[in-house]
Amino acid sequence: MHTQPDADAPLLVERHTHHVIATLNRPHRRNAIDQATIDALHILCAELEEAPKTLVLAGADGVFAAGADIAELRERRAPDALRGINTNAFVRLSELPMPVIAAVDGYALGGGAELAYAADIRIATPTLAIGNPETGLGIIAAAGASWRLKEIVGDARAIELLLTGRTVRAEEALRIGLVSAIHDSGDLLAAAEAIAARIARNDPAATIATKSVFRAPRDHHPAADLEAQAVLFESPEKFRRMTDFLERRDR
């Protein structure tokens, strides 16, 4: 199954059998994340919570997302901050049952970087420029960078990046583990879909359990692992897959 997206939407959504591609689509604003984009992300999350599939996030016209929409952000006040407009959308996205893959081409700054951090897997192009310049604008990176970035690259590296607000380029991002692979721009989406296809070969229930257990707090281990494994040990799919493996081995 494949459905074509609405070309004028702030988020272009292509639905395939085992994965969904969502492309940020405000190229005239370098895909800056505005309220309409956030609303569209919530709608997509509701769909993927109900019918889990791997999600590939991308950006139109060689840019992932240059940040939050500054024109909107400038007018927001304290009550808006406490609403967690971007934060709640990115948390919801990160907690989707199936994996989220960010295919990051070009700029991913501020809220764009935080959207990428919310993904389970990040791949990028040689033109990657990712970072959190928020303190230069008189605010903090409050949509996930303050806790997600250190989980990805470690405390020392994360605090240096957050305090300086400097931009990380592709080679450094790969070296510090901020992204897991670099692909030419023309190959990026295909590479992301290849990861989604590889995931689709596995048991969806085991994939969902792996993501859930991986994201569990440290003090929930090993109980969370064993509880998830107990459910899987009783699943018909486990018996089918292991039987197939043993029969192939014995041929």
Foldseek 3Di string as FASTA:
>chain_A
DWDWADLPQQWTWIDDDAEIEIEGHDVVQLSAAELSNLVVLVVVLVVCLVPPHEYEYAYPDQARHQEHDVVVVVPDDDVVVVVLSLQVSLQSVLLRLAFYEYEGGAEQEQSSLLSRLSGPAYEYAQNYWYAYQVVVVVDFSPNHLVPSVCVQQNDVVSVVRRVVRGIDGDVVCCVRRVHVYYDHPVCRVVVVVVVSVVVVVDDSLVNSLVSVVVPDDPVCPPVSVVVSVVVVVPDPVVVVVVVVVVVVVVD
